[in-house]
Amino acid sequence: MKTVIISGSNRGIGLELCRTFYKNGYRVMATCRKSNPSLDELGVDVIEGIDISKPETYLSWIQTLDSSIDCVVNNAGIWRTESLQNFNTDTIMEQYLVNAVGPLAWTMALLPKLRPSAKIAFITSRMGSITDNSSGGRYGYRMSKCALNAGAKSLALDLQSQGIAVGLLHPGFVRTDMTEGQGDWEAEESSRALFQRIEELTIESTGIFRHANGELLPW
């Protein structure tokens, strides 16, 4: 049985990714800061108290892992709302830590536990695309996801010789708490598409930025 570890798994896309991977025969290790009944009832392995922005919450736990990981899905993230009229460096830095630095540090800590030819997926956003930015605003979220894309691309190149593939995936505009119920997709629909893209991921397609529907996205 393959093992996947999914961060930010207690709600929204993360919760549905746990459900989708579990239904497709994976052992799911669902990490989050705090669980809830929706996650607990899935039957997956739930690990609470993990905050990817705080290495002290996970470094010791990773050392205790007794199984190798086939897939890492970096889903945890936050969304704040800076604008020209409401510019806030504190929330921008908060998003950098959680959305960009945190996922990379978490992944680096997990590398010794990965099987040969494992896969790493970063749930990023087309809002991190400079070319695709046509509406402005959302400074911290856009900048943090752009930084995540840059880091994930470097990681893809650095791990290529080890046969570990890295995918950068935009989940679509999904109706979740983060988007205040707005969007074009339900979380379940997005998770199924993301799962398909991760299953298709190979070393030949490592480091490519894609929409969950398979569309190539511009940097």
N, C-alpha and C. Protein backbone atom coordinates (compact mmCIF):
# COMPACT_ATOMS: atom_id res chain seq x y z
N MET A 1 0.84 -1.20 0.00
CA MET A 1 0.00 0.00 0.00
C MET A 1 0.87 1.25 0.00
N LYS A 2 0.54 2.19 -0.89
CA LYS A 2 1.27 3.45 -0.93
C LYS A 2 0.83 4.36 0.21
N THR A 3 1.77 5.21 0.65
CA THR A 3 1.50 6.14 1.74
C THR A 3 1.63 7.57 1.25
N VAL A 4 0.63 8.40 1.56
CA VAL A 4 0.66 9.82 1.24
C VAL A 4 0.55 10.61 2.54
N ILE A 5 1.25 11.71 2.62
CA ILE A 5 1.13 12.61 3.76
C ILE A 5 0.62 13.95 3.24
N ILE A 6 -0.47 14.44 3.83
CA ILE A 6 -1.16 15.63 3.34
C ILE A 6 -1.22 16.66 4.46
N SER A 7 -0.74 17.86 4.20
CA SER A 7 -0.78 18.93 5.20
C SER A 7 -2.05 19.75 5.04
N GLY A 8 -2.46 20.42 6.11
CA GLY A 8 -3.66 21.24 6.06
C GLY A 8 -4.89 20.42 5.73
N SER A 9 -5.05 19.28 6.42
CA SER A 9 -6.01 18.27 6.00
C SER A 9 -7.36 18.32 6.71
N ASN A 10 -7.60 19.32 7.52
CA ASN A 10 -8.81 19.29 8.34
C ASN A 10 -10.01 19.99 7.72
N ARG A 11 -9.85 20.60 6.55
CA ARG A 11 -10.99 21.27 5.94
C ARG A 11 -10.73 21.49 4.46
N GLY A 12 -11.77 21.91 3.75
CA GLY A 12 -11.65 22.32 2.36
C GLY A 12 -10.99 21.30 1.45
N ILE A 13 -10.08 21.78 0.62
CA ILE A 13 -9.41 20.92 -0.35
C ILE A 13 -8.60 19.84 0.34
N GLY A 14 -7.94 20.17 1.44
CA GLY A 14 -7.14 19.18 2.15
C GLY A 14 -7.96 18.01 2.63
N LEU A 15 -9.11 18.30 3.21
CA LEU A 15 -10.01 17.24 3.68
C LEU A 15 -10.45 16.35 2.53
N GLU A 16 -10.82 16.97 1.42
CA GLU A 16 -11.27 16.18 0.27
C GLU A 16 -10.12 15.40 -0.37
N LEU A 17 -8.91 15.93 -0.34
CA LEU A 17 -7.77 15.17 -0.84
C LEU A 17 -7.55 13.93 0.01
N CYS A 18 -7.70 14.06 1.32
CA CYS A 18 -7.58 12.89 2.20
C CYS A 18 -8.61 11.84 1.81
N ARG A 19 -9.84 12.27 1.58
CA ARG A 19 -10.90 11.35 1.20
C ARG A 19 -10.60 10.67 -0.14
N THR A 20 -10.13 11.46 -1.10
CA THR A 20 -9.87 10.92 -2.44
C THR A 20 -8.72 9.92 -2.43
N PHE A 21 -7.62 10.27 -1.78
CA PHE A 21 -6.49 9.35 -1.72
C PHE A 21 -6.88 8.06 -0.98
N TYR A 22 -7.64 8.20 0.10
CA TYR A 22 -8.06 7.03 0.87
C TYR A 22 -8.95 6.11 0.03
N LYS A 23 -9.88 6.69 -0.71
CA LYS A 23 -10.77 5.90 -1.56
C LYS A 23 -10.00 5.19 -2.66
N ASN A 24 -8.84 5.72 -3.01
CA ASN A 24 -8.02 5.12 -4.08
C ASN A 24 -6.92 4.21 -3.53
N GLY A 25 -7.08 3.79 -2.28
CA GLY A 25 -6.23 2.74 -1.74
C GLY A 25 -4.96 3.17 -1.05
N TYR A 26 -4.79 4.45 -0.82
CA TYR A 26 -3.59 4.94 -0.14
C TYR A 26 -3.76 4.85 1.38
N ARG A 27 -2.65 4.66 2.08
CA ARG A 27 -2.62 4.97 3.49
C ARG A 27 -2.41 6.48 3.59
N VAL A 28 -3.33 7.16 4.26
CA VAL A 28 -3.30 8.61 4.33
C VAL A 28 -2.86 9.05 5.72
N MET A 29 -1.80 9.85 5.76
CA MET A 29 -1.36 10.48 7.00
C MET A 29 -1.76 11.95 6.90
N ALA A 30 -2.80 12.31 7.64
CA ALA A 30 -3.40 13.63 7.55
C ALA A 30 -2.88 14.50 8.68
N THR A 31 -2.10 15.53 8.34
CA THR A 31 -1.54 16.41 9.36
C THR A 31 -2.29 17.73 9.38
N CYS A 32 -2.43 18.28 10.59
CA CYS A 32 -3.15 19.53 10.76
C CYS A 32 -2.82 20.10 12.14
N ARG A 33 -3.19 21.34 12.35
CA ARG A 33 -3.02 21.92 13.68
C ARG A 33 -4.05 21.34 14.65
N LYS A 34 -5.29 21.19 14.18
CA LYS A 34 -6.34 20.65 15.03
C LYS A 34 -7.35 19.89 14.16
N SER A 35 -7.68 18.68 14.55
CA SER A 35 -8.62 17.87 13.79
C SER A 35 -10.06 18.29 14.08
N ASN A 36 -10.98 17.61 13.40
CA ASN A 36 -12.41 17.83 13.61
C ASN A 36 -13.16 16.56 13.24
N PRO A 37 -14.45 16.48 13.55
CA PRO A 37 -15.19 15.24 13.27
C PRO A 37 -15.18 14.83 11.80
N SER A 38 -15.21 15.80 10.89
CA SER A 38 -15.21 15.46 9.46
C SER A 38 -13.94 14.71 9.06
N LEU A 39 -12.81 15.10 9.62
CA LEU A 39 -11.56 14.40 9.33
C LEU A 39 -11.47 13.09 10.10
N ASP A 40 -11.86 13.12 11.35
CA ASP A 40 -11.75 11.92 12.19
C ASP A 40 -12.55 10.75 11.63
N GLU A 41 -13.68 11.04 11.00
CA GLU A 41 -14.55 9.96 10.54
C GLU A 41 -14.10 9.33 9.23
N LEU A 42 -13.05 9.86 8.61
CA LEU A 42 -12.59 9.31 7.33
C LEU A 42 -11.91 7.96 7.48
N GLY A 43 -11.34 7.70 8.66
CA GLY A 43 -10.61 6.45 8.85
C GLY A 43 -9.15 6.54 8.46
N VAL A 44 -8.64 7.76 8.29
CA VAL A 44 -7.23 7.95 7.95
C VAL A 44 -6.43 8.17 9.24
N ASP A 45 -5.10 8.17 9.12
CA ASP A 45 -4.24 8.45 10.27
C ASP A 45 -4.16 9.96 10.47
N VAL A 46 -4.70 10.46 11.55
CA VAL A 46 -4.73 11.90 11.81
C VAL A 46 -3.62 12.27 12.79
N ILE A 47 -2.81 13.24 12.41
CA ILE A 47 -1.74 13.72 13.28
C ILE A 47 -1.99 15.20 13.56
N GLU A 48 -2.39 15.50 14.78
CA GLU A 48 -2.68 16.87 15.18
C GLU A 48 -1.41 17.58 15.66
N GLY A 49 -1.51 18.88 15.80
CA GLY A 49 -0.43 19.68 16.38
C GLY A 49 0.68 20.01 15.42
N ILE A 50 0.48 19.75 14.12
CA ILE A 50 1.50 20.04 13.12
C ILE A 50 1.22 21.39 12.49
N ASP A 51 2.14 22.32 12.64
CA ASP A 51 2.05 23.65 12.03
C ASP A 51 3.28 23.80 11.15
N ILE A 52 3.07 23.82 9.83
CA ILE A 52 4.22 23.81 8.92
C ILE A 52 5.06 25.08 9.02
N SER A 53 4.51 26.13 9.64
CA SER A 53 5.30 27.35 9.82
C SER A 53 6.16 27.30 11.08
N LYS A 54 6.05 26.19 11.84
CA LYS A 54 6.79 26.05 13.10
C LYS A 54 7.48 24.68 13.14
N PRO A 55 8.73 24.60 12.70
CA PRO A 55 9.44 23.31 12.66
C PRO A 55 9.45 22.57 13.99
N GLU A 56 9.39 23.30 15.09
CA GLU A 56 9.42 22.63 16.39
C GLU A 56 8.19 21.75 16.60
N THR A 57 7.14 21.94 15.80
CA THR A 57 5.94 21.11 15.95
C THR A 57 6.02 19.80 15.17
N TYR A 58 7.02 19.66 14.31
CA TYR A 58 7.05 18.45 13.49
C TYR A 58 8.39 17.72 13.37
N LEU A 59 9.49 18.34 13.70
CA LEU A 59 10.79 17.70 13.49
C LEU A 59 10.93 16.41 14.29
N SER A 60 10.56 16.43 15.54
CA SER A 60 10.66 15.22 16.37
C SER A 60 9.70 14.16 15.87
N TRP A 61 8.50 14.56 15.46
CA TRP A 61 7.53 13.58 14.97
C TRP A 61 8.03 12.88 13.71
N ILE A 62 8.63 13.63 12.80
CA ILE A 62 9.14 13.01 11.57
C ILE A 62 10.18 11.94 11.89
N GLN A 63 10.98 12.16 12.90
CA GLN A 63 12.00 11.17 13.27
C GLN A 63 11.37 9.85 13.71
N THR A 64 10.12 9.90 14.17
CA THR A 64 9.46 8.68 14.66
C THR A 64 8.77 7.89 13.56
N LEU A 65 8.69 8.45 12.35
CA LEU A 65 7.98 7.76 11.26
C LEU A 65 8.63 6.42 10.97
N ASP A 66 7.80 5.39 10.97
CA ASP A 66 8.32 4.04 10.74
C ASP A 66 7.97 3.51 9.35
N SER A 67 7.43 4.37 8.49
CA SER A 67 7.09 3.96 7.14
C SER A 67 7.63 4.98 6.15
N SER A 68 7.92 4.50 4.96
CA SER A 68 8.41 5.40 3.92
C SER A 68 7.23 6.06 3.21
N ILE A 69 7.46 7.25 2.70
CA ILE A 69 6.40 8.04 2.08
C ILE A 69 6.52 7.98 0.55
N ASP A 70 5.39 7.71 -0.09
CA ASP A 70 5.36 7.67 -1.56
C ASP A 70 4.98 9.01 -2.16
N CYS A 71 4.23 9.82 -1.40
CA CYS A 71 3.75 11.08 -1.93
C CYS A 71 3.57 12.09 -0.80
N VAL A 72 4.02 13.31 -1.03
CA VAL A 72 3.82 14.42 -0.11
C VAL A 72 2.95 15.45 -0.82
N VAL A 73 1.83 15.81 -0.19
CA VAL A 73 0.95 16.84 -0.75
C VAL A 73 0.97 18.03 0.18
N ASN A 74 1.55 19.12 -0.28
CA ASN A 74 1.64 20.36 0.48
C ASN A 74 0.41 21.21 0.20
N ASN A 75 -0.56 21.10 1.09
CA ASN A 75 -1.82 21.80 0.88
C ASN A 75 -2.04 22.96 1.84
N ALA A 76 -1.42 22.92 3.03
CA ALA A 76 -1.66 23.96 4.04
C ALA A 76 -1.33 25.34 3.51
N GLY A 77 -2.17 26.30 3.82
CA GLY A 77 -1.93 27.67 3.40
C GLY A 77 -2.95 28.61 4.01
N ILE A 78 -2.67 29.91 3.91
CA ILE A 78 -3.59 30.92 4.42
C ILE A 78 -3.80 32.01 3.39
N TRP A 79 -4.85 32.79 3.58
CA TRP A 79 -5.26 33.83 2.64
C TRP A 79 -5.59 35.08 3.44
N ARG A 80 -4.92 36.19 3.13
CA ARG A 80 -5.23 37.46 3.76
C ARG A 80 -5.59 38.46 2.66
N THR A 81 -5.99 39.66 3.02
CA THR A 81 -6.64 40.53 2.03
C THR A 81 -6.06 41.94 1.95
N GLU A 82 -4.76 42.06 1.73
CA GLU A 82 -4.19 43.40 1.57
C GLU A 82 -4.65 44.04 0.24
N SER A 83 -4.68 45.34 0.25
CA SER A 83 -5.02 46.09 -0.96
C SER A 83 -4.23 47.39 -0.97
N LEU A 84 -4.41 48.19 -2.00
CA LEU A 84 -3.74 49.48 -2.06
C LEU A 84 -4.14 50.35 -0.88
N GLN A 85 -5.39 50.24 -0.47
CA GLN A 85 -5.90 51.04 0.63
C GLN A 85 -5.65 50.40 2.00
N ASN A 86 -5.31 49.12 2.00
CA ASN A 86 -5.13 48.39 3.25
C ASN A 86 -3.88 47.52 3.15
N PHE A 87 -2.73 48.17 3.10
CA PHE A 87 -1.45 47.46 2.97
C PHE A 87 -0.93 47.11 4.36
N ASN A 88 -0.57 45.84 4.55
CA ASN A 88 -0.22 45.36 5.90
C ASN A 88 0.99 44.44 5.80
N THR A 89 2.15 44.91 6.21
CA THR A 89 3.36 44.08 6.10
C THR A 89 3.32 42.87 7.03
N ASP A 90 2.61 42.98 8.13
CA ASP A 90 2.53 41.84 9.05
C ASP A 90 1.81 40.66 8.42
N THR A 91 0.68 40.90 7.76
CA THR A 91 -0.03 39.79 7.13
C THR A 91 0.70 39.28 5.89
N ILE A 92 1.43 40.17 5.22
CA ILE A 92 2.24 39.72 4.08
C ILE A 92 3.31 38.75 4.55
N MET A 93 4.02 39.09 5.61
CA MET A 93 5.06 38.22 6.12
C MET A 93 4.48 36.92 6.68
N GLU A 94 3.30 37.01 7.28
CA GLU A 94 2.62 35.80 7.77
C GLU A 94 2.36 34.83 6.63
N GLN A 95 1.91 35.36 5.50
CA GLN A 95 1.63 34.51 4.34
C GLN A 95 2.91 33.94 3.73
N TYR A 96 3.97 34.73 3.71
CA TYR A 96 5.25 34.21 3.23
C TYR A 96 5.68 33.00 4.05
N LEU A 97 5.55 33.11 5.35
CA LEU A 97 5.99 32.04 6.23
C LEU A 97 5.15 30.78 6.04
N VAL A 98 3.84 30.94 5.99
CA VAL A 98 2.95 29.77 5.90
C VAL A 98 2.86 29.23 4.48
N ASN A 99 2.77 30.10 3.50
CA ASN A 99 2.51 29.67 2.12
C ASN A 99 3.75 29.32 1.32
N ALA A 100 4.90 29.89 1.67
CA ALA A 100 6.11 29.69 0.86
C ALA A 100 7.22 28.99 1.63
N VAL A 101 7.66 29.60 2.72
CA VAL A 101 8.78 29.01 3.48
C VAL A 101 8.36 27.72 4.18
N GLY A 102 7.18 27.73 4.79
CA GLY A 102 6.71 26.57 5.53
C GLY A 102 6.64 25.29 4.72
N PRO A 103 5.97 25.30 3.55
CA PRO A 103 5.90 24.07 2.75
C PRO A 103 7.26 23.53 2.33
N LEU A 104 8.19 24.43 2.00
CA LEU A 104 9.52 23.98 1.60
C LEU A 104 10.29 23.38 2.78
N ALA A 105 10.22 24.04 3.95
CA ALA A 105 10.92 23.51 5.13
C ALA A 105 10.34 22.17 5.54
N TRP A 106 9.02 22.05 5.51
CA TRP A 106 8.33 20.78 5.83
C TRP A 106 8.78 19.67 4.88
N THR A 107 8.82 20.00 3.59
CA THR A 107 9.24 19.02 2.59
C THR A 107 10.69 18.61 2.77
N MET A 108 11.56 19.57 3.04
CA MET A 108 12.97 19.26 3.27
C MET A 108 13.14 18.31 4.45
N ALA A 109 12.36 18.52 5.50
CA ALA A 109 12.45 17.65 6.67
C ALA A 109 11.98 16.23 6.36
N LEU A 110 11.04 16.12 5.41
CA LEU A 110 10.49 14.80 5.06
C LEU A 110 11.35 14.03 4.04
N LEU A 111 12.27 14.72 3.37
CA LEU A 111 13.03 14.07 2.29
C LEU A 111 13.67 12.74 2.69
N PRO A 112 14.27 12.63 3.88
CA PRO A 112 14.89 11.35 4.24
C PRO A 112 13.90 10.20 4.35
N LYS A 113 12.61 10.52 4.46
CA LYS A 113 11.59 9.49 4.62
C LYS A 113 10.93 9.10 3.29
N LEU A 114 11.33 9.75 2.19
CA LEU A 114 10.71 9.48 0.91
C LEU A 114 11.30 8.23 0.25
N ARG A 115 10.42 7.47 -0.37
CA ARG A 115 10.87 6.33 -1.16
C ARG A 115 11.54 6.83 -2.45
N PRO A 116 12.39 6.00 -3.06
CA PRO A 116 12.89 6.35 -4.39
C PRO A 116 11.71 6.54 -5.35
N SER A 117 11.80 7.51 -6.21
CA SER A 117 10.74 7.82 -7.18
C SER A 117 9.45 8.29 -6.52
N ALA A 118 9.54 8.88 -5.34
CA ALA A 118 8.37 9.47 -4.70
C ALA A 118 7.93 10.72 -5.46
N LYS A 119 6.75 11.22 -5.09
CA LYS A 119 6.22 12.43 -5.71
C LYS A 119 5.94 13.47 -4.63
N ILE A 120 6.15 14.74 -5.01
CA ILE A 120 5.85 15.86 -4.13
C ILE A 120 4.95 16.81 -4.90
N ALA A 121 3.81 17.15 -4.31
CA ALA A 121 2.88 18.09 -4.95
C ALA A 121 2.71 19.32 -4.07
N PHE A 122 2.81 20.48 -4.69
CA PHE A 122 2.54 21.74 -4.00
C PHE A 122 1.22 22.30 -4.53
N ILE A 123 0.24 22.45 -3.63
CA ILE A 123 -1.00 23.09 -4.04
C ILE A 123 -0.77 24.60 -3.98
N THR A 124 -0.51 25.16 -5.12
CA THR A 124 -0.17 26.56 -5.23
C THR A 124 -1.37 27.32 -5.78
N SER A 125 -1.16 28.36 -6.55
CA SER A 125 -2.28 29.13 -7.08
C SER A 125 -1.83 29.89 -8.32
N ARG A 126 -2.75 30.01 -9.26
CA ARG A 126 -2.43 30.84 -10.43
C ARG A 126 -2.32 32.31 -10.03
N MET A 127 -2.74 32.65 -8.81
CA MET A 127 -2.52 34.01 -8.31
C MET A 127 -1.04 34.28 -8.05
N GLY A 128 -0.23 33.23 -8.07
CA GLY A 128 1.21 33.39 -7.99
C GLY A 128 1.85 33.67 -9.33
N SER A 129 1.05 33.66 -10.39
CA SER A 129 1.57 33.94 -11.73
C SER A 129 1.65 35.45 -11.96
N ILE A 130 2.80 35.92 -12.39
CA ILE A 130 2.96 37.34 -12.71
C ILE A 130 2.25 37.66 -14.02
N THR A 131 2.40 36.78 -15.01
CA THR A 131 1.77 36.99 -16.31
C THR A 131 0.25 37.01 -16.21
N ASP A 132 -0.30 36.19 -15.32
CA ASP A 132 -1.75 36.02 -15.24
C ASP A 132 -2.42 37.08 -14.36
N ASN A 133 -1.64 37.94 -13.73
CA ASN A 133 -2.20 38.94 -12.82
C ASN A 133 -2.85 40.06 -13.62
N SER A 134 -4.18 40.08 -13.63
CA SER A 134 -4.90 41.09 -14.39
C SER A 134 -5.78 41.98 -13.52
N SER A 135 -5.74 41.75 -12.19
CA SER A 135 -6.65 42.51 -11.32
C SER A 135 -5.96 43.18 -10.13
N GLY A 136 -4.67 42.89 -9.90
CA GLY A 136 -3.95 43.54 -8.81
C GLY A 136 -4.41 43.09 -7.44
N GLY A 137 -4.00 43.84 -6.41
CA GLY A 137 -4.42 43.52 -5.04
C GLY A 137 -3.88 42.20 -4.52
N ARG A 138 -4.40 41.78 -3.34
CA ARG A 138 -4.01 40.51 -2.72
C ARG A 138 -2.49 40.37 -2.68
N TYR A 139 -1.81 41.41 -2.22
CA TYR A 139 -0.36 41.48 -2.31
C TYR A 139 0.34 40.28 -1.65
N GLY A 140 0.01 40.02 -0.42
CA GLY A 140 0.69 38.94 0.30
C GLY A 140 0.44 37.57 -0.29
N TYR A 141 -0.80 37.31 -0.66
CA TYR A 141 -1.12 35.99 -1.21
C TYR A 141 -0.42 35.79 -2.56
N ARG A 142 -0.52 36.79 -3.42
CA ARG A 142 0.14 36.68 -4.73
C ARG A 142 1.66 36.51 -4.57
N MET A 143 2.26 37.33 -3.73
CA MET A 143 3.72 37.28 -3.56
C MET A 143 4.16 35.97 -2.93
N SER A 144 3.40 35.48 -1.96
CA SER A 144 3.80 34.24 -1.29
C SER A 144 3.66 33.04 -2.21
N LYS A 145 2.64 33.03 -3.05
CA LYS A 145 2.47 31.90 -3.97
C LYS A 145 3.48 31.98 -5.12
N CYS A 146 3.86 33.19 -5.52
CA CYS A 146 4.93 33.34 -6.50
C CYS A 146 6.24 32.82 -5.93
N ALA A 147 6.50 33.14 -4.66
CA ALA A 147 7.71 32.64 -4.00
C ALA A 147 7.67 31.12 -3.87
N LEU A 148 6.51 30.57 -3.54
CA LEU A 148 6.38 29.11 -3.46
C LEU A 148 6.69 28.47 -4.82
N ASN A 149 6.16 29.05 -5.88
CA ASN A 149 6.43 28.52 -7.22
C ASN A 149 7.92 28.51 -7.53
N ALA A 150 8.61 29.59 -7.17
CA ALA A 150 10.05 29.67 -7.42
C ALA A 150 10.79 28.60 -6.63
N GLY A 151 10.43 28.44 -5.36
CA GLY A 151 11.10 27.43 -4.54
C GLY A 151 10.82 26.02 -5.00
N ALA A 152 9.56 25.76 -5.37
CA ALA A 152 9.20 24.41 -5.82
C ALA A 152 9.88 24.06 -7.14
N LYS A 153 10.04 25.05 -8.01
CA LYS A 153 10.75 24.82 -9.27
C LYS A 153 12.21 24.45 -9.00
N SER A 154 12.86 25.16 -8.09
CA SER A 154 14.24 24.82 -7.74
C SER A 154 14.32 23.42 -7.15
N LEU A 155 13.36 23.08 -6.29
CA LEU A 155 13.34 21.76 -5.69
C LEU A 155 13.19 20.68 -6.75
N ALA A 156 12.34 20.94 -7.75
CA ALA A 156 12.16 19.98 -8.83
C ALA A 156 13.47 19.70 -9.55
N LEU A 157 14.24 20.75 -9.81
CA LEU A 157 15.52 20.58 -10.49
C LEU A 157 16.53 19.88 -9.59
N ASP A 158 16.54 20.21 -8.31
CA ASP A 158 17.51 19.63 -7.38
C ASP A 158 17.25 18.15 -7.12
N LEU A 159 15.97 17.72 -7.22
CA LEU A 159 15.62 16.32 -6.93
C LEU A 159 15.52 15.46 -8.18
N GLN A 160 15.69 16.09 -9.34
CA GLN A 160 15.51 15.36 -10.59
C GLN A 160 16.44 14.15 -10.69
N SER A 161 17.67 14.32 -10.27
CA SER A 161 18.64 13.21 -10.38
C SER A 161 18.29 12.05 -9.45
N GLN A 162 17.47 12.31 -8.43
CA GLN A 162 17.04 11.25 -7.51
C GLN A 162 15.75 10.58 -7.96
N GLY A 163 15.18 11.05 -9.08
CA GLY A 163 13.96 10.45 -9.59
C GLY A 163 12.72 10.87 -8.84
N ILE A 164 12.80 11.94 -8.05
CA ILE A 164 11.64 12.43 -7.31
C ILE A 164 11.00 13.57 -8.10
N ALA A 165 9.74 13.39 -8.47
CA ALA A 165 9.04 14.38 -9.29
C ALA A 165 8.28 15.37 -8.43
N VAL A 166 8.27 16.62 -8.86
CA VAL A 166 7.61 17.70 -8.13
C VAL A 166 6.56 18.35 -9.03
N GLY A 167 5.34 18.45 -8.54
CA GLY A 167 4.27 19.08 -9.28
C GLY A 167 3.80 20.36 -8.62
N LEU A 168 3.52 21.38 -9.41
CA LEU A 168 2.97 22.64 -8.92
C LEU A 168 1.56 22.75 -9.48
N LEU A 169 0.56 22.70 -8.60
CA LEU A 169 -0.82 22.53 -9.05
C LEU A 169 -1.74 23.61 -8.49
N HIS A 170 -2.43 24.28 -9.40
CA HIS A 170 -3.49 25.22 -9.02
C HIS A 170 -4.79 24.44 -8.92
N PRO A 171 -5.50 24.53 -7.79
CA PRO A 171 -6.68 23.69 -7.60
C PRO A 171 -7.93 24.16 -8.31
N GLY A 172 -7.86 25.33 -8.96
CA GLY A 172 -9.06 25.96 -9.49
C GLY A 172 -9.61 26.95 -8.48
N PHE A 173 -10.65 27.66 -8.87
CA PHE A 173 -11.33 28.58 -7.96
C PHE A 173 -12.38 27.76 -7.23
N VAL A 174 -12.06 27.36 -6.00
CA VAL A 174 -12.83 26.34 -5.28
C VAL A 174 -13.65 26.98 -4.17
N ARG A 175 -14.89 26.55 -4.04
CA ARG A 175 -15.77 27.04 -2.99
C ARG A 175 -15.38 26.42 -1.65
N THR A 176 -14.68 27.19 -0.83
CA THR A 176 -14.25 26.74 0.50
C THR A 176 -14.42 27.90 1.49
N ASP A 177 -14.09 27.62 2.76
CA ASP A 177 -14.10 28.69 3.75
C ASP A 177 -13.12 29.80 3.38
N MET A 178 -11.97 29.40 2.80
CA MET A 178 -10.94 30.38 2.44
C MET A 178 -11.46 31.38 1.42
N THR A 179 -12.29 30.92 0.48
CA THR A 179 -12.82 31.80 -0.56
C THR A 179 -14.20 32.33 -0.19
N GLU A 180 -14.60 32.12 1.05
CA GLU A 180 -15.90 32.57 1.56
C GLU A 180 -17.05 32.04 0.70
N GLY A 181 -16.90 30.78 0.26
CA GLY A 181 -17.96 30.11 -0.49
C GLY A 181 -18.03 30.48 -1.95
N GLN A 182 -17.13 31.33 -2.42
CA GLN A 182 -17.13 31.70 -3.83
C GLN A 182 -16.28 30.70 -4.62
N GLY A 183 -16.58 30.56 -5.90
CA GLY A 183 -15.75 29.69 -6.72
C GLY A 183 -16.51 29.03 -7.84
N ASP A 184 -15.77 28.30 -8.68
CA ASP A 184 -16.33 27.60 -9.82
C ASP A 184 -16.44 26.10 -9.58
N TRP A 185 -15.64 25.57 -8.62
CA TRP A 185 -15.60 24.14 -8.35
C TRP A 185 -15.94 23.88 -6.89
N GLU A 186 -16.51 22.71 -6.65
CA GLU A 186 -16.61 22.21 -5.28
C GLU A 186 -15.27 21.57 -4.91
N ALA A 187 -14.99 21.50 -3.61
CA ALA A 187 -13.72 20.94 -3.16
C ALA A 187 -13.57 19.49 -3.59
N GLU A 188 -14.65 18.74 -3.59
CA GLU A 188 -14.59 17.34 -4.01
C GLU A 188 -14.16 17.21 -5.47
N GLU A 189 -14.72 18.07 -6.33
CA GLU A 189 -14.38 18.06 -7.75
C GLU A 189 -12.91 18.42 -7.95
N SER A 190 -12.45 19.43 -7.24
CA SER A 190 -11.05 19.83 -7.34
C SER A 190 -10.12 18.72 -6.87
N SER A 191 -10.47 18.08 -5.77
CA SER A 191 -9.59 17.04 -5.23
C SER A 191 -9.44 15.87 -6.19
N ARG A 192 -10.52 15.52 -6.87
CA ARG A 192 -10.43 14.42 -7.85
C ARG A 192 -9.50 14.79 -9.00
N ALA A 193 -9.61 16.04 -9.45
CA ALA A 193 -8.74 16.49 -10.55
C ALA A 193 -7.29 16.56 -10.10
N LEU A 194 -7.07 17.07 -8.89
CA LEU A 194 -5.70 17.15 -8.36
C LEU A 194 -5.11 15.76 -8.21
N PHE A 195 -5.90 14.82 -7.72
CA PHE A 195 -5.41 13.44 -7.58
C PHE A 195 -4.98 12.89 -8.94
N GLN A 196 -5.76 13.14 -9.97
CA GLN A 196 -5.42 12.65 -11.30
C GLN A 196 -4.11 13.26 -11.80
N ARG A 197 -3.93 14.56 -11.56
CA ARG A 197 -2.69 15.21 -11.99
C ARG A 197 -1.49 14.64 -11.23
N ILE A 198 -1.66 14.36 -9.95
CA ILE A 198 -0.56 13.80 -9.15
C ILE A 198 -0.24 12.38 -9.61
N GLU A 199 -1.27 11.60 -9.91
CA GLU A 199 -1.05 10.25 -10.41
C GLU A 199 -0.29 10.27 -11.75
N GLU A 200 -0.57 11.27 -12.57
CA GLU A 200 0.08 11.39 -13.88
C GLU A 200 1.50 11.95 -13.80
N LEU A 201 1.84 12.54 -12.67
CA LEU A 201 3.14 13.21 -12.52
C LEU A 201 4.30 12.23 -12.69
N THR A 202 5.25 12.60 -13.53
CA THR A 202 6.45 11.79 -13.77
C THR A 202 7.67 12.69 -13.70
N ILE A 203 8.83 12.07 -13.73
CA ILE A 203 10.07 12.85 -13.71
C ILE A 203 10.19 13.69 -14.98
N GLU A 204 9.54 13.26 -16.06
CA GLU A 204 9.57 14.03 -17.30
C GLU A 204 8.73 15.31 -17.20
N SER A 205 7.74 15.31 -16.32
CA SER A 205 6.89 16.49 -16.17
C SER A 205 7.16 17.24 -14.88
N THR A 206 8.27 16.94 -14.23
CA THR A 206 8.59 17.60 -12.97
C THR A 206 8.79 19.11 -13.15
N GLY A 207 8.32 19.88 -12.16
CA GLY A 207 8.54 21.32 -12.16
C GLY A 207 7.62 22.12 -13.04
N ILE A 208 6.58 21.47 -13.60
CA ILE A 208 5.64 22.17 -14.48
C ILE A 208 4.47 22.71 -13.66
N PHE A 209 4.03 23.90 -13.99
CA PHE A 209 2.94 24.60 -13.30
C PHE A 209 1.65 24.34 -14.06
N ARG A 210 0.71 23.63 -13.41
CA ARG A 210 -0.53 23.23 -14.08
C ARG A 210 -1.77 23.60 -13.27
N HIS A 211 -2.85 23.81 -13.98
CA HIS A 211 -4.19 23.86 -13.40
C HIS A 211 -4.60 22.43 -13.09
N ALA A 212 -5.48 22.24 -12.13
CA ALA A 212 -5.97 20.90 -11.83
C ALA A 212 -6.63 20.24 -13.04
N ASN A 213 -7.15 21.06 -13.96
CA ASN A 213 -7.78 20.49 -15.17
C ASN A 213 -6.75 20.06 -16.22
N GLY A 214 -5.47 20.23 -15.92
CA GLY A 214 -4.42 19.81 -16.84
C GLY A 214 -3.81 20.94 -17.65
N GLU A 215 -4.46 22.11 -17.65
CA GLU A 215 -3.95 23.25 -18.42
C GLU A 215 -2.59 23.72 -17.90
N LEU A 216 -1.68 24.02 -18.82
CA LEU A 216 -0.40 24.61 -18.45
C LEU A 216 -0.63 26.07 -18.08
N LEU A 217 0.01 26.52 -17.00
CA LEU A 217 -0.16 27.89 -16.54
C LEU A 217 1.14 28.67 -16.72
N PRO A 218 1.03 29.97 -16.98
CA PRO A 218 2.23 30.80 -17.15
C PRO A 218 2.82 31.21 -15.81
N TRP A 219 4.12 31.43 -15.79
CA TRP A 219 4.78 31.90 -14.57
C TRP A 219 4.51 33.38 -14.36
